[in-house]
Amino acid sequence: MNSKKIVIVCGHPDADSFTGSMIDTYQSAAEEAEHDVRRFNLGEMQFDPILHKGYKEIQQLEPDLVELQLAITECDHVVIGYPNWWCTMPALLKGTFDRMWLPGFAFNFNKETKQIEKHLIGKTARVYVMSGSHSPLKTWWKFGDYTNEIQYGILEFAGIKTQVTTYGPCQHVDDDRRKKWMKEVDSHGRKGI
């Protein structure tokens, strides 16, 4: 198996959470399999997640966002874990993408061809979404696909081939089910997928 450069993003503002534990499991397995891993805990990074002027004025990126952009540019695979809050990602993770997923980095709009030029083609991603009180299927049935935004609107928009794995209900699950989930995440980490 070839070693991969992997960027891991904990999208929960508190890395000391079930989401953080899932990401820890992936990271440990990937490092044991000798993948090159860089981890970013968003709750520990220093940046303003708010677009104060929308995209009318691009805010200068803080060093932590520049570092994350560079890591994504250099990696083969991106892993993102976050809890499903109100059928979407936490505001901090959304703010991260609002601020750094910019033309020139992730994509460009070609004015002549009217096409999107995707700058991150060739990379892959795994997204873990943890649901608290409902099963992922029940949430999907009731509210629709709550992973479209990150998979299609963000990652694949920039050319990153993405797989989404959902777990839940995390608040009301027995230890055997949690162990099964962790075993699956461990397998993903070892394979770098």
N, C-alpha and C. Protein backbone atom coordinates (compact mmCIF):
# COMPACT_ATOMS: atom_id res chain seq x y z
N MET A 1 0.84 -1.19 0.00
CA MET A 1 0.00 0.00 0.00
C MET A 1 0.88 1.25 0.00
N ASN A 2 0.52 2.21 -0.82
CA ASN A 2 1.28 3.45 -0.89
C ASN A 2 0.90 4.37 0.25
N SER A 3 1.91 5.04 0.80
CA SER A 3 1.68 6.02 1.85
C SER A 3 1.06 7.27 1.24
N LYS A 4 0.10 7.87 1.95
CA LYS A 4 -0.57 9.07 1.46
C LYS A 4 -0.31 10.24 2.40
N LYS A 5 -0.39 11.43 1.83
CA LYS A 5 -0.40 12.65 2.64
C LYS A 5 -1.86 12.95 2.96
N ILE A 6 -2.19 12.94 4.24
CA ILE A 6 -3.57 13.08 4.68
C ILE A 6 -3.73 14.31 5.56
N VAL A 7 -4.72 15.12 5.27
CA VAL A 7 -5.09 16.25 6.12
C VAL A 7 -6.38 15.88 6.83
N ILE A 8 -6.36 16.00 8.15
CA ILE A 8 -7.54 15.71 8.96
C ILE A 8 -8.05 17.00 9.58
N VAL A 9 -9.34 17.25 9.45
CA VAL A 9 -9.96 18.44 10.02
C VAL A 9 -11.05 18.02 10.99
N CYS A 10 -10.89 18.40 12.26
CA CYS A 10 -11.95 18.19 13.24
C CYS A 10 -12.86 19.41 13.17
N GLY A 11 -14.06 19.21 12.59
CA GLY A 11 -14.99 20.31 12.38
C GLY A 11 -15.89 20.60 13.56
N HIS A 12 -15.73 19.84 14.64
CA HIS A 12 -16.46 20.15 15.88
C HIS A 12 -15.64 21.20 16.63
N PRO A 13 -16.25 22.27 17.10
CA PRO A 13 -15.47 23.29 17.82
C PRO A 13 -14.75 22.74 19.04
N ASP A 14 -15.23 21.62 19.59
CA ASP A 14 -14.62 20.99 20.76
C ASP A 14 -14.07 19.64 20.33
N ALA A 15 -12.74 19.53 20.23
CA ALA A 15 -12.12 18.26 19.82
C ALA A 15 -12.31 17.17 20.86
N ASP A 16 -12.65 17.55 22.09
CA ASP A 16 -12.92 16.58 23.15
C ASP A 16 -14.40 16.21 23.10
N SER A 17 -14.79 15.51 22.04
CA SER A 17 -16.17 15.16 21.76
C SER A 17 -16.18 13.81 21.06
N PHE A 18 -17.36 13.27 20.81
CA PHE A 18 -17.43 12.01 20.07
C PHE A 18 -16.85 12.18 18.67
N THR A 19 -17.11 13.32 18.05
CA THR A 19 -16.52 13.61 16.74
C THR A 19 -14.99 13.56 16.85
N GLY A 20 -14.46 14.20 17.88
CA GLY A 20 -13.01 14.20 18.09
C GLY A 20 -12.47 12.79 18.29
N SER A 21 -13.21 11.95 19.00
CA SER A 21 -12.79 10.55 19.20
C SER A 21 -12.75 9.78 17.90
N MET A 22 -13.73 10.02 17.03
CA MET A 22 -13.73 9.36 15.73
C MET A 22 -12.51 9.78 14.92
N ILE A 23 -12.24 11.07 14.95
CA ILE A 23 -11.09 11.59 14.21
C ILE A 23 -9.78 11.06 14.82
N ASP A 24 -9.72 10.97 16.15
CA ASP A 24 -8.55 10.39 16.82
C ASP A 24 -8.30 8.97 16.32
N THR A 25 -9.37 8.19 16.21
CA THR A 25 -9.26 6.80 15.76
C THR A 25 -8.70 6.74 14.35
N TYR A 26 -9.23 7.59 13.46
CA TYR A 26 -8.73 7.63 12.09
C TYR A 26 -7.25 8.01 12.08
N GLN A 27 -6.91 9.06 12.82
CA GLN A 27 -5.54 9.55 12.83
C GLN A 27 -4.57 8.48 13.33
N SER A 28 -4.89 7.83 14.43
CA SER A 28 -4.01 6.79 14.99
C SER A 28 -3.79 5.66 14.00
N ALA A 29 -4.87 5.21 13.37
CA ALA A 29 -4.77 4.12 12.40
C ALA A 29 -3.93 4.53 11.20
N ALA A 30 -4.16 5.75 10.71
CA ALA A 30 -3.41 6.24 9.54
C ALA A 30 -1.92 6.37 9.87
N GLU A 31 -1.61 6.87 11.04
CA GLU A 31 -0.20 7.01 11.44
C GLU A 31 0.46 5.65 11.63
N GLU A 32 -0.27 4.69 12.21
CA GLU A 32 0.27 3.33 12.36
C GLU A 32 0.54 2.70 11.00
N ALA A 33 -0.27 3.04 10.01
CA ALA A 33 -0.08 2.52 8.65
C ALA A 33 0.96 3.35 7.87
N GLU A 34 1.60 4.28 8.56
CA GLU A 34 2.70 5.11 8.03
C GLU A 34 2.27 6.10 6.95
N HIS A 35 1.02 6.56 7.06
CA HIS A 35 0.61 7.69 6.23
C HIS A 35 1.15 8.96 6.88
N ASP A 36 1.37 9.98 6.08
CA ASP A 36 1.84 11.29 6.57
C ASP A 36 0.60 12.12 6.91
N VAL A 37 0.36 12.35 8.21
CA VAL A 37 -0.89 12.97 8.66
C VAL A 37 -0.64 14.35 9.25
N ARG A 38 -1.47 15.31 8.84
CA ARG A 38 -1.50 16.64 9.47
C ARG A 38 -2.92 16.87 9.95
N ARG A 39 -3.05 17.28 11.20
CA ARG A 39 -4.38 17.47 11.79
C ARG A 39 -4.62 18.93 12.14
N PHE A 40 -5.86 19.36 11.91
CA PHE A 40 -6.29 20.70 12.25
C PHE A 40 -7.57 20.61 13.07
N ASN A 41 -7.53 21.08 14.30
CA ASN A 41 -8.71 21.19 15.15
C ASN A 41 -9.22 22.62 15.03
N LEU A 42 -10.35 22.81 14.37
CA LEU A 42 -10.82 24.17 14.10
C LEU A 42 -11.01 25.00 15.36
N GLY A 43 -11.45 24.36 16.45
CA GLY A 43 -11.67 25.08 17.69
C GLY A 43 -10.40 25.65 18.31
N GLU A 44 -9.25 25.18 17.86
CA GLU A 44 -7.96 25.65 18.39
C GLU A 44 -7.26 26.61 17.43
N MET A 45 -7.83 26.80 16.25
CA MET A 45 -7.21 27.69 15.27
C MET A 45 -7.65 29.13 15.51
N GLN A 46 -6.82 30.06 15.08
CA GLN A 46 -7.10 31.48 15.28
C GLN A 46 -7.45 32.13 13.94
N PHE A 47 -8.74 32.39 13.74
CA PHE A 47 -9.19 33.09 12.54
C PHE A 47 -10.62 33.56 12.77
N ASP A 48 -11.03 34.54 11.98
CA ASP A 48 -12.38 35.06 12.03
C ASP A 48 -13.21 34.29 11.01
N PRO A 49 -14.21 33.51 11.43
CA PRO A 49 -14.99 32.72 10.48
C PRO A 49 -16.09 33.51 9.76
N ILE A 50 -16.20 34.80 10.05
CA ILE A 50 -17.29 35.60 9.49
C ILE A 50 -16.82 36.40 8.29
N LEU A 51 -17.58 36.32 7.21
CA LEU A 51 -17.34 37.16 6.04
C LEU A 51 -18.06 38.48 6.28
N HIS A 52 -17.36 39.46 6.76
CA HIS A 52 -18.01 40.70 7.17
C HIS A 52 -18.57 41.50 6.00
N LYS A 53 -18.00 41.37 4.81
CA LYS A 53 -18.50 42.09 3.63
C LYS A 53 -18.94 41.12 2.54
N GLY A 54 -19.23 39.86 2.93
CA GLY A 54 -19.53 38.87 1.92
C GLY A 54 -18.30 38.69 1.03
N TYR A 55 -18.50 38.45 -0.25
CA TYR A 55 -17.36 38.32 -1.16
C TYR A 55 -17.09 39.62 -1.91
N LYS A 56 -17.72 40.71 -1.46
CA LYS A 56 -17.48 42.03 -2.05
C LYS A 56 -16.03 42.45 -1.80
N GLU A 57 -15.54 42.11 -0.63
CA GLU A 57 -14.14 42.38 -0.27
C GLU A 57 -13.58 41.09 0.32
N ILE A 58 -12.48 40.60 -0.23
CA ILE A 58 -11.85 39.40 0.31
C ILE A 58 -11.00 39.79 1.51
N GLN A 59 -11.30 39.18 2.66
CA GLN A 59 -10.52 39.44 3.87
C GLN A 59 -9.19 38.71 3.78
N GLN A 60 -8.15 39.37 4.25
CA GLN A 60 -6.84 38.72 4.27
C GLN A 60 -6.91 37.49 5.16
N LEU A 61 -6.39 36.39 4.66
CA LEU A 61 -6.42 35.15 5.42
C LEU A 61 -5.42 35.17 6.57
N GLU A 62 -5.88 34.70 7.72
CA GLU A 62 -5.01 34.56 8.88
C GLU A 62 -4.03 33.41 8.63
N PRO A 63 -2.87 33.41 9.32
CA PRO A 63 -1.86 32.36 9.12
C PRO A 63 -2.41 30.93 9.26
N ASP A 64 -3.32 30.69 10.18
CA ASP A 64 -3.86 29.33 10.35
C ASP A 64 -4.64 28.88 9.12
N LEU A 65 -5.38 29.80 8.47
CA LEU A 65 -6.11 29.44 7.25
C LEU A 65 -5.16 29.24 6.08
N VAL A 66 -4.11 30.05 6.01
CA VAL A 66 -3.11 29.88 4.96
C VAL A 66 -2.43 28.51 5.11
N GLU A 67 -2.13 28.14 6.36
CA GLU A 67 -1.50 26.84 6.63
C GLU A 67 -2.42 25.68 6.22
N LEU A 68 -3.71 25.81 6.50
CA LEU A 68 -4.67 24.77 6.12
C LEU A 68 -4.79 24.69 4.60
N GLN A 69 -4.86 25.83 3.93
CA GLN A 69 -4.90 25.83 2.47
C GLN A 69 -3.69 25.12 1.88
N LEU A 70 -2.50 25.45 2.39
CA LEU A 70 -1.27 24.84 1.89
C LEU A 70 -1.27 23.34 2.12
N ALA A 71 -1.71 22.91 3.30
CA ALA A 71 -1.77 21.48 3.61
C ALA A 71 -2.72 20.76 2.65
N ILE A 72 -3.87 21.37 2.35
CA ILE A 72 -4.82 20.75 1.41
C ILE A 72 -4.22 20.70 0.01
N THR A 73 -3.54 21.76 -0.39
CA THR A 73 -2.90 21.79 -1.71
C THR A 73 -1.89 20.65 -1.85
N GLU A 74 -1.16 20.36 -0.77
CA GLU A 74 -0.08 19.36 -0.82
C GLU A 74 -0.54 17.94 -0.54
N CYS A 75 -1.76 17.74 -0.05
CA CYS A 75 -2.17 16.40 0.38
C CYS A 75 -2.79 15.60 -0.77
N ASP A 76 -2.95 14.29 -0.48
CA ASP A 76 -3.64 13.38 -1.39
C ASP A 76 -5.10 13.19 -0.97
N HIS A 77 -5.33 13.25 0.35
CA HIS A 77 -6.63 12.87 0.91
C HIS A 77 -6.98 13.80 2.06
N VAL A 78 -8.24 14.20 2.12
CA VAL A 78 -8.74 15.07 3.19
C VAL A 78 -9.80 14.30 3.98
N VAL A 79 -9.71 14.38 5.30
CA VAL A 79 -10.70 13.76 6.18
C VAL A 79 -11.31 14.87 7.03
N ILE A 80 -12.64 14.94 7.02
CA ILE A 80 -13.34 15.95 7.81
C ILE A 80 -14.40 15.25 8.64
N GLY A 81 -14.44 15.55 9.94
CA GLY A 81 -15.47 15.02 10.81
C GLY A 81 -16.20 16.16 11.49
N TYR A 82 -17.53 16.05 11.57
CA TYR A 82 -18.31 17.08 12.24
C TYR A 82 -19.66 16.53 12.67
N PRO A 83 -20.29 17.18 13.65
CA PRO A 83 -21.63 16.78 14.06
C PRO A 83 -22.68 17.44 13.16
N ASN A 84 -23.78 16.75 12.97
CA ASN A 84 -24.91 17.31 12.22
C ASN A 84 -25.71 18.17 13.18
N TRP A 85 -25.61 19.48 13.02
CA TRP A 85 -26.37 20.42 13.83
C TRP A 85 -27.36 21.13 12.92
N TRP A 86 -28.64 20.98 13.19
CA TRP A 86 -29.69 21.62 12.40
C TRP A 86 -29.56 21.29 10.92
N CYS A 87 -29.26 20.02 10.64
CA CYS A 87 -29.15 19.50 9.27
C CYS A 87 -28.05 20.17 8.46
N THR A 88 -27.00 20.59 9.13
CA THR A 88 -25.84 21.14 8.43
C THR A 88 -24.62 21.06 9.34
N MET A 89 -23.54 21.60 8.89
CA MET A 89 -22.29 21.59 9.66
C MET A 89 -22.28 22.73 10.68
N PRO A 90 -21.45 22.61 11.72
CA PRO A 90 -21.31 23.72 12.68
C PRO A 90 -20.86 25.00 11.98
N ALA A 91 -21.26 26.13 12.54
CA ALA A 91 -20.93 27.44 11.95
C ALA A 91 -19.43 27.63 11.76
N LEU A 92 -18.63 27.12 12.69
CA LEU A 92 -17.17 27.29 12.60
C LEU A 92 -16.62 26.60 11.35
N LEU A 93 -17.12 25.41 11.05
CA LEU A 93 -16.66 24.70 9.85
C LEU A 93 -17.14 25.43 8.59
N LYS A 94 -18.39 25.85 8.60
CA LYS A 94 -18.91 26.61 7.44
C LYS A 94 -18.12 27.89 7.25
N GLY A 95 -17.80 28.57 8.35
CA GLY A 95 -17.00 29.78 8.27
C GLY A 95 -15.60 29.53 7.73
N THR A 96 -15.05 28.37 8.04
CA THR A 96 -13.73 28.01 7.51
C THR A 96 -13.79 27.96 5.98
N PHE A 97 -14.82 27.28 5.46
CA PHE A 97 -14.96 27.21 4.01
C PHE A 97 -15.30 28.58 3.42
N ASP A 98 -16.17 29.35 4.08
CA ASP A 98 -16.50 30.69 3.59
C ASP A 98 -15.24 31.53 3.40
N ARG A 99 -14.34 31.42 4.34
CA ARG A 99 -13.14 32.26 4.32
C ARG A 99 -12.06 31.76 3.36
N MET A 100 -11.82 30.44 3.30
CA MET A 100 -10.63 29.97 2.58
C MET A 100 -10.92 29.29 1.24
N TRP A 101 -12.15 28.89 0.97
CA TRP A 101 -12.48 28.16 -0.26
C TRP A 101 -12.69 29.17 -1.37
N LEU A 102 -11.60 29.78 -1.80
CA LEU A 102 -11.65 30.97 -2.65
C LEU A 102 -11.20 30.71 -4.08
N PRO A 103 -11.62 31.58 -5.02
CA PRO A 103 -11.04 31.52 -6.36
C PRO A 103 -9.53 31.67 -6.28
N GLY A 104 -8.85 30.91 -7.11
CA GLY A 104 -7.39 30.91 -7.08
C GLY A 104 -6.85 29.78 -6.24
N PHE A 105 -7.57 29.40 -5.20
CA PHE A 105 -7.16 28.26 -4.37
C PHE A 105 -7.95 27.01 -4.77
N ALA A 106 -9.25 27.03 -4.59
CA ALA A 106 -10.07 25.84 -4.82
C ALA A 106 -10.61 25.76 -6.25
N PHE A 107 -10.82 26.89 -6.88
CA PHE A 107 -11.45 26.93 -8.20
C PHE A 107 -11.21 28.29 -8.83
N ASN A 108 -11.61 28.40 -10.09
CA ASN A 108 -11.69 29.68 -10.78
C ASN A 108 -12.89 29.62 -11.71
N PHE A 109 -13.47 30.76 -11.98
CA PHE A 109 -14.54 30.84 -12.97
C PHE A 109 -13.94 31.44 -14.23
N ASN A 110 -13.91 30.66 -15.30
CA ASN A 110 -13.35 31.11 -16.56
C ASN A 110 -14.40 31.95 -17.29
N LYS A 111 -14.14 33.24 -17.40
CA LYS A 111 -15.11 34.16 -18.00
C LYS A 111 -15.31 33.91 -19.48
N GLU A 112 -14.28 33.40 -20.16
CA GLU A 112 -14.40 33.15 -21.60
C GLU A 112 -15.25 31.91 -21.89
N THR A 113 -14.96 30.81 -21.17
CA THR A 113 -15.68 29.56 -21.42
C THR A 113 -16.93 29.42 -20.56
N LYS A 114 -17.06 30.28 -19.57
CA LYS A 114 -18.18 30.22 -18.61
C LYS A 114 -18.18 28.90 -17.82
N GLN A 115 -17.01 28.33 -17.64
CA GLN A 115 -16.86 27.06 -16.93
C GLN A 115 -16.12 27.27 -15.61
N ILE A 116 -16.39 26.36 -14.67
CA ILE A 116 -15.66 26.34 -13.42
C ILE A 116 -14.38 25.52 -13.63
N GLU A 117 -13.25 26.09 -13.28
CA GLU A 117 -11.98 25.37 -13.32
C GLU A 117 -11.70 24.87 -11.91
N LYS A 118 -11.70 23.56 -11.76
CA LYS A 118 -11.52 22.94 -10.44
C LYS A 118 -10.03 22.72 -10.18
N HIS A 119 -9.52 23.31 -9.10
CA HIS A 119 -8.08 23.26 -8.83
C HIS A 119 -7.64 22.08 -7.97
N LEU A 120 -8.57 21.33 -7.39
CA LEU A 120 -8.17 20.26 -6.47
C LEU A 120 -8.50 18.87 -7.02
N ILE A 121 -8.56 18.76 -8.34
CA ILE A 121 -8.80 17.47 -8.99
C ILE A 121 -7.64 16.52 -8.67
N GLY A 122 -7.99 15.25 -8.47
CA GLY A 122 -6.98 14.24 -8.16
C GLY A 122 -6.92 13.90 -6.68
N LYS A 123 -7.53 14.74 -5.87
CA LYS A 123 -7.57 14.50 -4.43
C LYS A 123 -8.87 13.76 -4.08
N THR A 124 -8.84 13.09 -2.93
CA THR A 124 -10.03 12.41 -2.44
C THR A 124 -10.34 12.93 -1.04
N ALA A 125 -11.56 12.66 -0.60
CA ALA A 125 -11.96 13.08 0.75
C ALA A 125 -12.90 12.05 1.35
N ARG A 126 -12.86 11.96 2.67
CA ARG A 126 -13.81 11.19 3.47
C ARG A 126 -14.40 12.17 4.47
N VAL A 127 -15.72 12.25 4.51
CA VAL A 127 -16.40 13.12 5.46
C VAL A 127 -17.20 12.24 6.41
N TYR A 128 -16.99 12.43 7.71
CA TYR A 128 -17.77 11.74 8.74
C TYR A 128 -18.74 12.74 9.35
N VAL A 129 -20.03 12.38 9.33
CA VAL A 129 -21.05 13.24 9.90
C VAL A 129 -21.74 12.46 11.02
N MET A 130 -21.69 13.01 12.24
CA MET A 130 -22.29 12.37 13.40
C MET A 130 -23.64 13.01 13.72
N SER A 131 -24.69 12.19 13.78
CA SER A 131 -26.02 12.68 14.15
C SER A 131 -26.26 12.37 15.62
N GLY A 132 -26.78 13.34 16.35
CA GLY A 132 -26.96 13.19 17.78
C GLY A 132 -28.13 12.33 18.19
N SER A 133 -29.33 12.81 17.97
CA SER A 133 -30.50 12.13 18.54
C SER A 133 -31.33 11.34 17.53
N HIS A 134 -31.02 11.45 16.25
CA HIS A 134 -31.76 10.71 15.22
C HIS A 134 -30.80 9.88 14.39
N SER A 135 -31.32 8.82 13.81
CA SER A 135 -30.50 8.04 12.89
C SER A 135 -30.31 8.86 11.61
N PRO A 136 -29.20 8.67 10.91
CA PRO A 136 -29.00 9.38 9.65
C PRO A 136 -30.14 9.15 8.65
N LEU A 137 -30.65 7.92 8.60
CA LEU A 137 -31.74 7.62 7.66
C LEU A 137 -33.01 8.39 8.03
N LYS A 138 -33.32 8.45 9.32
CA LYS A 138 -34.51 9.18 9.76
C LYS A 138 -34.37 10.67 9.45
N THR A 139 -33.18 11.21 9.68
CA THR A 139 -32.93 12.62 9.38
C THR A 139 -33.08 12.88 7.88
N TRP A 140 -32.48 12.00 7.08
CA TRP A 140 -32.56 12.15 5.62
C TRP A 140 -34.03 12.06 5.16
N TRP A 141 -34.77 11.09 5.70
CA TRP A 141 -36.16 10.89 5.31
C TRP A 141 -37.02 12.12 5.64
N LYS A 142 -36.75 12.70 6.80
CA LYS A 142 -37.57 13.82 7.27
C LYS A 142 -37.16 15.16 6.63
N PHE A 143 -35.84 15.37 6.45
CA PHE A 143 -35.36 16.70 6.04
C PHE A 143 -34.61 16.73 4.71
N GLY A 144 -34.35 15.57 4.13
CA GLY A 144 -33.59 15.54 2.88
C GLY A 144 -32.11 15.31 3.14
N ASP A 145 -31.34 15.28 2.06
CA ASP A 145 -29.91 14.98 2.17
C ASP A 145 -29.18 16.17 2.77
N TYR A 146 -28.70 15.98 3.99
CA TYR A 146 -28.01 17.05 4.71
C TYR A 146 -26.50 17.02 4.49
N THR A 147 -26.03 16.20 3.53
CA THR A 147 -24.60 16.17 3.22
C THR A 147 -24.29 16.74 1.85
N ASN A 148 -25.33 17.15 1.10
CA ASN A 148 -25.10 17.73 -0.23
C ASN A 148 -24.16 18.92 -0.19
N GLU A 149 -24.36 19.76 0.81
CA GLU A 149 -23.59 21.00 0.90
C GLU A 149 -22.09 20.73 0.88
N ILE A 150 -21.62 19.86 1.79
CA ILE A 150 -20.18 19.63 1.87
C ILE A 150 -19.67 18.77 0.72
N GLN A 151 -20.45 17.77 0.34
CA GLN A 151 -19.97 16.88 -0.72
C GLN A 151 -19.96 17.56 -2.09
N TYR A 152 -21.11 18.06 -2.50
CA TYR A 152 -21.23 18.59 -3.85
C TYR A 152 -20.98 20.09 -3.95
N GLY A 153 -21.47 20.84 -2.96
CA GLY A 153 -21.36 22.29 -3.02
C GLY A 153 -20.00 22.84 -2.65
N ILE A 154 -19.18 22.02 -1.96
CA ILE A 154 -17.87 22.51 -1.52
C ILE A 154 -16.74 21.64 -2.09
N LEU A 155 -16.64 20.39 -1.64
CA LEU A 155 -15.48 19.56 -1.99
C LEU A 155 -15.46 19.16 -3.46
N GLU A 156 -16.54 18.58 -3.95
CA GLU A 156 -16.54 18.17 -5.36
C GLU A 156 -16.61 19.36 -6.31
N PHE A 157 -17.13 20.48 -5.84
CA PHE A 157 -17.12 21.72 -6.64
C PHE A 157 -15.69 22.09 -7.01
N ALA A 158 -14.74 21.76 -6.11
CA ALA A 158 -13.33 22.06 -6.36
C ALA A 158 -12.58 20.87 -6.95
N GLY A 159 -13.29 19.76 -7.21
CA GLY A 159 -12.67 18.61 -7.87
C GLY A 159 -12.28 17.46 -6.96
N ILE A 160 -12.60 17.54 -5.66
CA ILE A 160 -12.21 16.49 -4.72
C ILE A 160 -13.28 15.39 -4.71
N LYS A 161 -12.91 14.19 -5.14
CA LYS A 161 -13.84 13.05 -5.14
C LYS A 161 -14.10 12.67 -3.68
N THR A 162 -15.38 12.69 -3.28
CA THR A 162 -15.73 12.63 -1.86
C THR A 162 -16.65 11.47 -1.53
N GLN A 163 -16.35 10.82 -0.41
CA GLN A 163 -17.24 9.81 0.17
C GLN A 163 -17.71 10.32 1.53
N VAL A 164 -19.00 10.17 1.80
CA VAL A 164 -19.56 10.61 3.08
C VAL A 164 -20.01 9.38 3.86
N THR A 165 -19.64 9.33 5.13
CA THR A 165 -20.07 8.27 6.04
C THR A 165 -20.81 8.93 7.19
N THR A 166 -22.02 8.46 7.45
CA THR A 166 -22.82 9.04 8.54
C THR A 166 -23.01 8.03 9.66
N TYR A 167 -22.99 8.52 10.89
CA TYR A 167 -23.21 7.68 12.07
C TYR A 167 -24.26 8.34 12.96
N GLY A 168 -25.05 7.51 13.61
CA GLY A 168 -26.02 8.03 14.56
C GLY A 168 -27.12 7.02 14.83
N PRO A 169 -27.95 7.28 15.83
CA PRO A 169 -27.89 8.42 16.75
C PRO A 169 -26.80 8.22 17.80
N CYS A 170 -25.87 9.13 17.86
CA CYS A 170 -24.71 9.01 18.73
C CYS A 170 -25.04 9.15 20.22
N GLN A 171 -26.10 9.86 20.55
CA GLN A 171 -26.46 10.05 21.96
C GLN A 171 -27.12 8.81 22.56
N HIS A 172 -27.74 7.99 21.74
CA HIS A 172 -28.50 6.85 22.23
C HIS A 172 -28.03 5.56 21.56
N VAL A 173 -26.77 5.23 21.74
CA VAL A 173 -26.24 4.04 21.09
C VAL A 173 -25.42 3.24 22.10
N ASP A 174 -25.46 1.94 21.98
CA ASP A 174 -24.72 1.11 22.93
C ASP A 174 -23.25 1.02 22.54
N ASP A 175 -22.45 0.52 23.47
CA ASP A 175 -21.00 0.45 23.26
C ASP A 175 -20.63 -0.46 22.10
N ASP A 176 -21.40 -1.53 21.88
CA ASP A 176 -21.10 -2.44 20.77
C ASP A 176 -21.20 -1.72 19.44
N ARG A 177 -22.24 -0.90 19.29
CA ARG A 177 -22.39 -0.14 18.04
C ARG A 177 -21.25 0.87 17.88
N ARG A 178 -20.90 1.56 18.95
CA ARG A 178 -19.78 2.52 18.88
C ARG A 178 -18.49 1.82 18.47
N LYS A 179 -18.24 0.64 19.05
CA LYS A 179 -17.03 -0.12 18.70
C LYS A 179 -17.04 -0.50 17.22
N LYS A 180 -18.21 -0.86 16.71
CA LYS A 180 -18.33 -1.20 15.30
C LYS A 180 -18.00 0.00 14.42
N TRP A 181 -18.53 1.17 14.80
CA TRP A 181 -18.21 2.39 14.05
C TRP A 181 -16.73 2.68 14.09
N MET A 182 -16.13 2.59 15.28
CA MET A 182 -14.70 2.88 15.44
C MET A 182 -13.84 1.91 14.63
N LYS A 183 -14.28 0.66 14.57
CA LYS A 183 -13.55 -0.34 13.78
C LYS A 183 -13.56 0.03 12.30
N GLU A 184 -14.71 0.52 11.82
CA GLU A 184 -14.81 0.95 10.42
C GLU A 184 -13.91 2.16 10.16
N VAL A 185 -13.93 3.12 11.07
CA VAL A 185 -13.08 4.31 10.93
C VAL A 185 -11.60 3.92 10.96
N ASP A 186 -11.24 3.00 11.87
CA ASP A 186 -9.87 2.50 11.95
C ASP A 186 -9.45 1.90 10.61
N SER A 187 -10.33 1.12 10.00
CA SER A 187 -10.03 0.51 8.69
C SER A 187 -9.82 1.57 7.62
N HIS A 188 -10.66 2.60 7.63
CA HIS A 188 -10.48 3.71 6.67
C HIS A 188 -9.12 4.37 6.86
N GLY A 189 -8.76 4.61 8.13
CA GLY A 189 -7.48 5.27 8.41
C GLY A 189 -6.29 4.45 7.94
N ARG A 190 -6.32 3.16 8.19
CA ARG A 190 -5.21 2.29 7.76
C ARG A 190 -5.06 2.29 6.25
N LYS A 191 -6.19 2.30 5.55
CA LYS A 191 -6.16 2.29 4.08
C LYS A 191 -5.95 3.69 3.49
N GLY A 192 -6.12 4.72 4.32
CA GLY A 192 -5.98 6.08 3.81
C GLY A 192 -7.11 6.43 2.85
N ILE A 193 -8.32 5.96 3.22
CA ILE A 193 -9.48 6.24 2.35
C ILE A 193 -10.54 7.02 3.12
